């Protein structure tokens, strides 16, 4: 499987990508939330880019969808 890296700059972009991945897996929000141990309301808020969603839950959701998160850390000076 090819790795696709996408630079994101907002919660809205992350949510939009998560929704697209979830739908490509033919999973509804209820099922995705269940797999990620998150409620339906959280999934909806996350996918709609609510900027105040809990980071840990957002990472759980992405992991449940198979989306890996990497940080591009600048070198030390």
N, C-alpha and C. Protein backbone atom coordinates (compact mmCIF):
# COMPACT_ATOMS: atom_id res chain seq x y z
N UNK A 1 0.85 -1.18 0.00
CA UNK A 1 0.00 0.00 0.00
C UNK A 1 0.89 1.23 0.00
N UNK A 2 0.56 2.18 -0.85
CA UNK A 2 1.33 3.42 -0.95
C UNK A 2 0.99 4.35 0.20
N UNK A 3 2.00 5.02 0.68
CA UNK A 3 1.83 5.98 1.76
C UNK A 3 1.51 7.34 1.16
N UNK A 4 0.45 7.96 1.63
CA UNK A 4 0.08 9.29 1.18
C UNK A 4 0.22 10.24 2.35
N UNK A 5 1.08 11.24 2.19
CA UNK A 5 1.26 12.23 3.25
C UNK A 5 0.58 13.52 2.82
N UNK A 6 -0.21 14.08 3.73
CA UNK A 6 -0.96 15.30 3.46
C UNK A 6 -0.64 16.29 4.56
N UNK A 7 -0.21 17.49 4.18
CA UNK A 7 0.04 18.53 5.17
C UNK A 7 -1.30 19.18 5.51
N UNK A 8 -1.58 19.30 6.79
CA UNK A 8 -2.81 19.95 7.24
C UNK A 8 -2.46 21.10 8.17
N UNK A 9 -3.35 22.08 8.17
CA UNK A 9 -3.09 23.27 8.99
C UNK A 9 -4.28 23.64 9.87
N UNK A 10 -5.31 22.80 9.86
CA UNK A 10 -6.47 23.13 10.68
C UNK A 10 -7.22 21.87 11.09
N UNK A 11 -8.01 22.01 12.15
CA UNK A 11 -8.86 20.92 12.61
C UNK A 11 -9.88 20.55 11.54
N UNK A 12 -10.34 21.55 10.81
CA UNK A 12 -11.34 21.32 9.77
C UNK A 12 -10.78 20.41 8.68
N UNK A 13 -9.52 20.64 8.30
CA UNK A 13 -8.89 19.79 7.28
C UNK A 13 -8.74 18.35 7.78
N UNK A 14 -8.33 18.18 9.03
CA UNK A 14 -8.16 16.84 9.60
C UNK A 14 -9.50 16.12 9.63
N UNK A 15 -10.54 16.81 10.06
CA UNK A 15 -11.87 16.21 10.11
C UNK A 15 -12.37 15.80 8.74
N UNK A 16 -12.11 16.65 7.75
CA UNK A 16 -12.54 16.36 6.38
C UNK A 16 -11.84 15.10 5.85
N UNK A 17 -10.56 14.97 6.15
CA UNK A 17 -9.81 13.78 5.72
C UNK A 17 -10.33 12.54 6.45
N UNK A 18 -10.56 12.67 7.76
CA UNK A 18 -11.08 11.53 8.53
C UNK A 18 -12.43 11.07 7.98
N UNK A 19 -13.30 12.01 7.64
CA UNK A 19 -14.61 11.66 7.07
C UNK A 19 -14.43 10.91 5.75
N UNK A 20 -13.52 11.40 4.90
CA UNK A 20 -13.29 10.77 3.60
C UNK A 20 -12.77 9.34 3.79
N UNK A 21 -11.84 9.15 4.72
CA UNK A 21 -11.30 7.82 4.98
C UNK A 21 -12.39 6.90 5.52
N UNK A 22 -13.17 7.41 6.48
CA UNK A 22 -14.25 6.61 7.07
C UNK A 22 -15.23 6.15 5.99
N UNK A 23 -15.63 7.07 5.14
CA UNK A 23 -16.59 6.73 4.09
C UNK A 23 -15.99 5.75 3.08
N UNK A 24 -14.69 5.89 2.80
CA UNK A 24 -14.05 4.96 1.86
C UNK A 24 -14.02 3.54 2.44
N UNK A 25 -14.08 3.45 3.76
CA UNK A 25 -14.12 2.14 4.42
C UNK A 25 -15.56 1.67 4.64
N UNK A 26 -16.51 2.41 4.08
CA UNK A 26 -17.93 2.08 4.16
C UNK A 26 -18.39 1.93 5.61
N UNK A 27 -17.93 2.85 6.45
CA UNK A 27 -18.23 2.83 7.86
C UNK A 27 -19.08 4.07 8.19
N UNK A 28 -20.16 3.86 8.95
CA UNK A 28 -20.93 5.03 9.39
C UNK A 28 -20.30 5.62 10.64
N UNK A 29 -20.76 6.80 11.03
CA UNK A 29 -20.18 7.49 12.19
C UNK A 29 -20.33 6.66 13.47
N UNK A 30 -21.46 6.01 13.64
CA UNK A 30 -21.71 5.21 14.84
C UNK A 30 -20.69 4.09 14.96
N UNK A 31 -20.45 3.40 13.87
CA UNK A 31 -19.50 2.29 13.88
C UNK A 31 -18.08 2.80 14.12
N UNK A 32 -17.70 3.86 13.44
CA UNK A 32 -16.36 4.43 13.62
C UNK A 32 -16.15 4.85 15.07
N UNK A 33 -17.15 5.48 15.65
CA UNK A 33 -17.06 5.89 17.05
C UNK A 33 -16.92 4.70 17.97
N UNK A 34 -17.64 3.66 17.68
CA UNK A 34 -17.58 2.45 18.49
C UNK A 34 -16.19 1.81 18.43
N UNK A 35 -15.64 1.73 17.23
CA UNK A 35 -14.30 1.16 17.05
C UNK A 35 -13.25 2.00 17.78
N UNK A 36 -13.42 3.31 17.77
CA UNK A 36 -12.46 4.23 18.39
C UNK A 36 -12.77 4.49 19.86
N UNK A 37 -13.84 3.89 20.36
CA UNK A 37 -14.26 4.11 21.74
C UNK A 37 -14.62 5.59 21.98
N UNK A 38 -15.31 6.18 21.02
CA UNK A 38 -15.75 7.57 21.08
C UNK A 38 -17.25 7.60 20.77
N UNK A 39 -17.94 8.56 21.29
CA UNK A 39 -19.36 8.69 21.03
C UNK A 39 -19.67 9.31 19.68
N UNK A 40 -20.90 9.15 19.26
CA UNK A 40 -21.36 9.69 17.99
C UNK A 40 -21.20 11.21 17.93
N UNK A 41 -21.50 11.90 19.02
CA UNK A 41 -21.37 13.36 19.05
C UNK A 41 -19.93 13.76 18.82
N UNK A 42 -18.98 13.06 19.46
CA UNK A 42 -17.57 13.37 19.24
C UNK A 42 -17.20 13.20 17.78
N UNK A 43 -17.60 12.08 17.18
CA UNK A 43 -17.26 11.81 15.78
C UNK A 43 -17.78 12.94 14.89
N UNK A 44 -19.00 13.36 15.12
CA UNK A 44 -19.58 14.45 14.34
C UNK A 44 -18.79 15.74 14.53
N UNK A 45 -18.48 16.09 15.77
CA UNK A 45 -17.72 17.31 16.03
C UNK A 45 -16.33 17.23 15.39
N UNK A 46 -15.68 16.09 15.53
CA UNK A 46 -14.35 15.89 14.96
C UNK A 46 -14.37 16.05 13.44
N UNK A 47 -15.29 15.37 12.78
CA UNK A 47 -15.36 15.43 11.32
C UNK A 47 -15.75 16.81 10.81
N UNK A 48 -16.44 17.58 11.62
CA UNK A 48 -16.83 18.93 11.22
C UNK A 48 -15.78 19.97 11.61
N UNK A 49 -14.66 19.51 12.15
CA UNK A 49 -13.55 20.41 12.41
C UNK A 49 -13.67 21.28 13.65
N UNK A 50 -14.45 20.84 14.62
CA UNK A 50 -14.57 21.62 15.85
C UNK A 50 -13.18 21.72 16.48
N UNK A 51 -12.67 22.94 16.66
CA UNK A 51 -11.29 23.10 17.12
C UNK A 51 -11.03 22.71 18.57
N UNK A 52 -12.07 22.50 19.35
CA UNK A 52 -11.88 22.20 20.77
C UNK A 52 -12.05 20.72 21.12
N UNK A 53 -12.06 19.84 20.10
CA UNK A 53 -12.17 18.41 20.42
C UNK A 53 -10.91 17.96 21.16
N UNK A 54 -11.05 16.94 21.98
CA UNK A 54 -9.93 16.44 22.76
C UNK A 54 -8.91 15.76 21.84
N UNK A 55 -7.66 16.15 21.99
CA UNK A 55 -6.60 15.63 21.14
C UNK A 55 -6.47 14.11 21.26
N UNK A 56 -6.52 13.58 22.47
CA UNK A 56 -6.37 12.14 22.67
C UNK A 56 -7.47 11.37 21.93
N UNK A 57 -8.69 11.85 22.01
CA UNK A 57 -9.80 11.19 21.31
C UNK A 57 -9.63 11.31 19.80
N UNK A 58 -9.15 12.46 19.35
CA UNK A 58 -8.92 12.66 17.91
C UNK A 58 -7.87 11.66 17.42
N UNK A 59 -6.82 11.47 18.19
CA UNK A 59 -5.80 10.49 17.82
C UNK A 59 -6.35 9.07 17.84
N UNK A 60 -7.22 8.76 18.79
CA UNK A 60 -7.87 7.44 18.84
C UNK A 60 -8.71 7.23 17.58
N UNK A 61 -9.43 8.25 17.20
CA UNK A 61 -10.29 8.17 16.02
C UNK A 61 -9.46 7.93 14.77
N UNK A 62 -8.39 8.69 14.61
CA UNK A 62 -7.53 8.53 13.44
C UNK A 62 -6.90 7.13 13.43
N UNK A 63 -6.45 6.66 14.58
CA UNK A 63 -5.86 5.33 14.67
C UNK A 63 -6.87 4.26 14.28
N UNK A 64 -8.09 4.39 14.74
CA UNK A 64 -9.14 3.42 14.41
C UNK A 64 -9.40 3.37 12.91
N UNK A 65 -9.19 4.49 12.23
CA UNK A 65 -9.38 4.55 10.78
C UNK A 65 -8.13 4.13 10.01
N UNK A 66 -7.04 3.87 10.75
CA UNK A 66 -5.80 3.48 10.09
C UNK A 66 -4.96 4.65 9.62
N UNK A 67 -5.30 5.84 10.08
CA UNK A 67 -4.54 7.05 9.71
C UNK A 67 -3.44 7.24 10.75
N UNK A 68 -2.20 7.27 10.30
CA UNK A 68 -1.06 7.46 11.19
C UNK A 68 -0.69 8.94 11.23
N UNK A 69 -0.31 9.41 12.38
CA UNK A 69 0.05 10.82 12.57
C UNK A 69 1.55 10.91 12.84
N UNK A 70 2.22 11.74 12.08
CA UNK A 70 3.66 11.95 12.25
C UNK A 70 3.91 13.44 12.49
N UNK A 71 4.94 13.73 13.25
CA UNK A 71 5.35 15.11 13.46
C UNK A 71 6.66 15.33 12.72
N UNK A 72 6.74 16.38 11.95
CA UNK A 72 7.94 16.74 11.23
C UNK A 72 8.69 17.75 12.09
N UNK A 73 9.61 17.25 12.90
CA UNK A 73 10.30 18.06 13.90
C UNK A 73 11.55 18.68 13.28
N UNK A 74 11.71 20.00 13.44
CA UNK A 74 12.91 20.63 12.87
C UNK A 74 14.17 20.21 13.64
N UNK A 75 15.30 20.21 12.97
CA UNK A 75 16.54 19.83 13.65
C UNK A 75 16.91 20.85 14.72
N UNK A 76 17.64 20.38 15.72
CA UNK A 76 18.10 21.29 16.77
C UNK A 76 19.20 22.17 16.19
N UNK A 77 19.26 23.40 16.66
CA UNK A 77 20.31 24.33 16.19
C UNK A 77 21.51 24.27 17.08
